[in-house]
Protein backbone atom coordinates (compact mmCIF):
# COMPACT_ATOMS: atom_id res chain seq x y z
CA LYS A 1 0.02 -0.09 -0.05
CA LYS A 2 2.88 2.36 0.73
CA LEU A 3 4.42 1.93 -2.69
CA LEU A 4 1.16 3.37 -4.33
CA ALA A 5 2.31 6.76 -2.74
CA SER A 6 5.78 6.32 -4.35
CA ASP A 7 7.37 8.87 -6.62
CA ASP A 8 8.36 5.93 -9.14
CA GLU A 9 5.63 5.22 -11.39
CA HIS A 10 7.03 1.55 -11.95
CA GLU A 11 6.77 0.96 -8.23
CA ARG A 12 2.97 2.26 -8.19
CA SER A 13 2.21 -0.13 -11.18
CA SER A 14 3.89 -3.16 -9.34
CA ALA A 15 2.06 -2.29 -6.15
CA ALA A 16 -1.22 -1.92 -8.12
CA PHE A 17 -0.43 -5.48 -9.64
CA ALA A 18 0.22 -7.08 -6.24
CA LEU A 19 -2.94 -5.66 -4.73
CA SER A 20 -4.97 -6.93 -7.61
CA SER A 21 -3.86 -10.45 -7.01
CA MET A 22 -5.48 -10.08 -3.48
CA GLY A 23 -8.95 -9.45 -4.87
CA GLY A 24 -11.47 -8.53 -1.98
CA LYS A 25 -8.71 -8.82 0.52
CA ALA A 26 -7.27 -5.51 -0.72
CA GLN A 27 -10.27 -3.40 -0.22
CA GLY A 28 -8.59 -1.32 2.24
CA ALA A 29 -6.41 -0.17 -0.55
CA VAL A 30 -9.27 1.10 -2.72
CA ALA A 31 -8.72 4.81 -2.00
CA ASP A 32 -4.98 4.51 -2.71
CA LEU A 33 -5.52 2.89 -5.84
CA ILE A 34 -8.09 5.35 -6.82
CA GLU A 35 -5.54 8.11 -6.09
CA ALA A 36 -2.82 6.34 -8.12
CA LEU A 37 -5.32 6.19 -10.85
CA LYS A 38 -5.46 9.92 -10.86
CA SER A 39 -1.88 10.60 -10.58
CA GLN A 40 -0.32 7.84 -12.68
CA SER A 41 0.59 8.91 -16.33
CA GLU A 42 1.02 5.48 -17.44
CA GLY A 43 -0.41 2.03 -16.35
CA LYS A 44 -3.94 3.44 -15.71
CA THR A 45 -5.54 0.49 -17.21
CA GLU A 46 -3.62 -2.06 -15.11
CA ILE A 47 -4.61 0.16 -11.90
CA ALA A 48 -8.31 0.25 -13.10
CA GLU A 49 -8.31 -3.58 -13.41
CA ALA A 50 -6.77 -4.02 -10.01
CA ILE A 51 -9.59 -1.91 -8.66
CA SER A 52 -12.11 -4.11 -10.41
CA ARG A 53 -10.71 -7.20 -9.00
CA ILE A 54 -11.36 -5.99 -5.47
CA GLY A 55 -15.00 -6.43 -6.37
CA PRO A 56 -18.35 -4.88 -5.10
CA ALA A 57 -16.47 -3.20 -2.01
CA ALA A 58 -14.82 -0.69 -4.70
CA VAL A 59 -18.15 0.45 -6.10
CA PRO A 60 -18.97 3.22 -3.63
CA HIS A 61 -15.35 4.62 -3.84
CA LEU A 62 -15.54 4.60 -7.55
CA LEU A 63 -18.72 6.42 -7.75
CA ARG A 64 -17.46 9.07 -5.28
CA ALA A 65 -14.34 9.50 -7.33
CA SER A 66 -16.45 9.83 -10.47
CA ALA A 67 -17.49 13.23 -9.10
CA ASP A 68 -13.88 14.38 -9.17
CA PRO A 69 -13.12 16.31 -12.56
CA ASP A 70 -9.44 15.47 -12.32
CA GLN A 71 -10.20 11.75 -12.41
CA SER A 72 -10.21 9.98 -15.61
CA PRO A 73 -13.87 8.91 -16.40
CA ASP A 74 -12.70 6.31 -18.97
CA GLN A 75 -10.62 4.27 -16.62
CA LEU A 76 -13.20 4.63 -13.59
CA ALA A 77 -15.67 3.10 -16.08
CA VAL A 78 -13.15 0.24 -16.88
CA ALA A 79 -13.01 -0.55 -13.20
CA LEU A 80 -16.78 -0.30 -12.62
CA ALA A 81 -17.54 -2.31 -15.65
CA GLY A 82 -14.86 -4.91 -14.65
CA ILE A 83 -16.63 -5.59 -11.38
CA GLY A 84 -19.46 -6.87 -13.52
CA PRO A 85 -23.16 -7.42 -12.60
CA SER A 86 -22.67 -6.58 -8.85
CA ALA A 87 -21.92 -2.94 -10.05
CA THR A 88 -25.18 -2.83 -12.10
CA GLU A 89 -27.76 -1.28 -9.34
CA PRO A 90 -25.12 1.29 -8.05
CA LEU A 91 -24.33 2.21 -11.58
CA ILE A 92 -28.01 2.75 -12.53
CA ALA A 93 -28.54 4.93 -9.47
CA ALA A 94 -25.50 6.89 -10.50
CA LEU A 95 -27.32 7.82 -13.84
CA ASP A 96 -29.12 10.39 -11.62
CA ALA A 97 -26.18 11.55 -9.67
CA GLU A 98 -25.56 15.24 -8.99
CA THR A 99 -22.39 15.78 -11.15
CA ILE A 100 -22.32 15.15 -14.91
CA GLU A 101 -18.95 13.33 -14.52
CA ALA A 102 -20.44 10.70 -12.32
CA ARG A 103 -23.39 10.37 -14.65
CA VAL A 104 -21.22 10.04 -17.82
CA SER A 105 -18.94 7.45 -15.82
CA ALA A 106 -22.00 5.49 -14.94
CA ALA A 107 -23.43 5.39 -18.33
CA THR A 108 -19.82 4.55 -19.93
CA ALA A 109 -19.40 1.73 -17.44
CA LEU A 110 -22.93 0.30 -18.24
CA GLY A 111 -22.10 0.38 -21.92
CA GLN A 112 -18.79 -1.45 -21.16
CA MET A 113 -20.37 -4.31 -19.74
CA ASN A 114 -21.27 -6.94 -22.32
CA PRO A 115 -24.08 -7.04 -22.91
CA THR A 116 -25.56 -3.76 -21.52
CA PRO A 117 -27.74 -4.82 -18.57
CA SER A 118 -31.44 -4.97 -19.15
CA ALA A 119 -32.22 -3.18 -15.93
CA ALA A 120 -30.33 -0.21 -17.02
CA MET A 121 -32.49 0.49 -20.28
CA ALA A 122 -34.92 2.86 -18.54
CA GLY A 123 -32.20 5.07 -17.23
CA LEU A 124 -30.18 5.01 -20.21
CA LEU A 125 -33.13 6.11 -22.32
CA ASN A 126 -33.79 8.92 -19.85
CA CYS A 127 -30.12 10.11 -20.32
CA LEU A 128 -30.84 10.58 -24.11
CA ASN A 129 -32.77 13.88 -23.21
CA ASP A 130 -29.95 15.31 -20.92
CA PRO A 131 -28.54 18.60 -21.95
CA SER A 132 -24.97 17.15 -21.63
CA VAL A 133 -23.41 16.06 -24.87
CA ASP A 134 -21.14 13.63 -23.38
CA LEU A 135 -23.96 11.91 -21.39
CA ARG A 136 -26.26 11.62 -24.46
CA LYS A 137 -23.25 10.15 -26.38
CA ALA A 138 -22.29 7.67 -23.63
CA ALA A 139 -26.11 6.62 -23.13
CA ALA A 140 -26.41 6.14 -26.85
CA PHE A 141 -23.33 3.89 -27.04
CA ALA A 142 -24.51 2.01 -24.19
CA LEU A 143 -27.95 1.40 -25.52
CA GLY A 144 -26.07 -0.21 -28.66
CA GLY A 145 -24.77 -2.99 -26.26
CA SER A 146 -28.15 -4.19 -25.30
CA ARG A 147 -29.89 -7.30 -26.56
CA ASP A 148 -33.13 -5.94 -25.40
CA LEU A 149 -33.75 -2.74 -27.45
CA ASP A 150 -37.41 -2.61 -28.23
CA GLY A 151 -39.14 -0.45 -30.89
CA GLU A 152 -39.27 2.53 -28.66
CA ALA A 153 -35.77 2.58 -27.80
CA ILE A 154 -34.84 2.44 -31.41
CA GLU A 155 -37.10 5.22 -32.23
CA ARG A 156 -35.40 7.25 -29.44
CA LEU A 157 -31.97 6.48 -30.98
CA ARG A 158 -33.42 7.46 -34.56
CA GLY A 159 -34.43 10.71 -32.88
CA LEU A 160 -30.82 11.32 -31.96
CA CYS A 161 -29.87 11.38 -35.43
CA ASN A 162 -31.06 14.90 -35.50
CA ASP A 163 -28.85 15.87 -32.50
CA MET A 164 -26.87 19.07 -32.89
CA ASP A 165 -23.63 16.99 -31.84
CA GLN A 166 -21.89 14.94 -34.45
CA GLY A 167 -20.58 12.65 -31.92
CA VAL A 168 -24.12 11.95 -30.61
CA ARG A 169 -25.59 11.27 -34.03
CA ALA A 170 -22.79 8.76 -34.79
CA ALA A 171 -23.33 7.04 -31.39
CA ALA A 172 -27.01 6.62 -32.21
CA VAL A 173 -26.42 5.50 -35.77
CA LEU A 174 -23.75 2.76 -34.43
CA SER A 175 -26.23 1.60 -31.78
CA ILE A 176 -28.92 1.32 -34.37
CA ALA A 177 -26.67 -0.59 -36.69
CA LYS A 178 -25.99 -3.14 -34.02
CA THR A 179 -29.60 -4.05 -33.76
CA ASP A 180 -30.94 -3.35 -37.39
CA SER A 181 -30.10 -5.49 -40.38
CA ASP A 182 -31.95 -3.37 -42.83
CA THR A 183 -29.16 -2.05 -45.04
CA ALA A 184 -31.39 0.56 -46.77
CA ALA A 185 -32.64 2.00 -43.63
CA LEU A 186 -29.10 2.19 -42.23
CA VAL A 187 -27.89 4.04 -45.31
CA ASP A 188 -30.82 6.37 -44.96
CA LEU A 189 -29.79 7.14 -41.35
CA LEU A 190 -26.21 7.62 -42.21
CA THR A 191 -27.05 9.96 -45.00
CA HIS A 192 -29.48 12.05 -42.64
CA ALA A 193 -26.95 11.95 -39.68
CA CYS A 194 -23.83 12.90 -41.31
């Protein structure tokens, strides 16, 4: 645990790797690992994976960290998604968090679970109406990972093809493409969205 505070990045990475092999027994080091995730310039993925191996005990710490604008939302999402199904309910709740960073991290993490959990569909659909471009884009991508998209969800994604942001439009088209095999309809969507 002391090595996580080392000035040497290699020592911090080695410490994270050692802690990851301890799994849930390393839960006392979660805060230190999250701090290392923020301060480390290399090895962030390894640290995020180490946090995910700690398991459900890391979820509340990760969700609190996601409100920190200096934290890497992508790496927090890797850690949360790596925890797996036991992180689903807290992530769904975090879709309504106060900070946009926490909501984007939650949507991103839900989208990195494969498949996107069915229980998250309603919350992700609500995110499509958010004023935040980053949240709309993350939610659209996450919906594309679902096996349970119904007609309403696809129509909501089609509505995003008119979004002012090109990234949101692209996320919507990609998500629809994963569920719709009608080539002519996809070409029409791409033509309209681009």
